[in-house]
Amino acid sequence: MRGVKEQRLIDVLEPEALAQGFELVDVEFCGAAGNRILRVLLDKEGGIGIEDIAAANAWVDALIEENAPFNSAFTLEVSSPGIDRPLRTPEHFARFTGEEARITTEHIEGRANWAGTLAGVASSEESGGDELAVLIVIEGETHSLPFAKIKKAHLKAHIDFNRTQGL
């Protein structure tokens, strides 16, 4: 569930991101009042580098100033999605099928927090097949989470501290 400001920014930034060869992964406001941060997460085929972020910062800033003026100050942060990549669209959930994820929803089956393996996207059983649902496997059981009830989701980061590379 996106706030009005975040959705407005997605609507403004997404077409230009695609035109520039990027995927707009997510947009979020964070931080306390007076120290707000607007985080714009971009990615592209093969990964995003510092040069890409520097170049994207200019067009992101220009589009925000032109199309989405806000009445409070904020710091713009353009970056990669990182290893705990947010999942925002049905396409994100489908692309990362087989990966571990954490999902926060409205209450479904008496719970709001889900951690398991993504199993794809399908028609929601609750809506008679008219809406999309994210499938997640937890301890061998598949759960169907209506996409409209998802508040926040991200991949679960895995870091292998035992792996050595050329040491």
Foldseek 3Di string as FASTA:
>chain_A
DDDPLFVQLCVQVQVVCVVVQKHFQGWDWDDDAVEIEIETAIAHVPTDDPVNQVVVVVVSVVSCVPRPDDPGDYHYHYYHQPQFRWHQDLVSLAVQQQFWKWWAFDDDPNHGIDTAGWHHKAQDVVVVRPFIWTWGADPRDIDTHTSVGTDIMTTDGDDDPPDDDPD
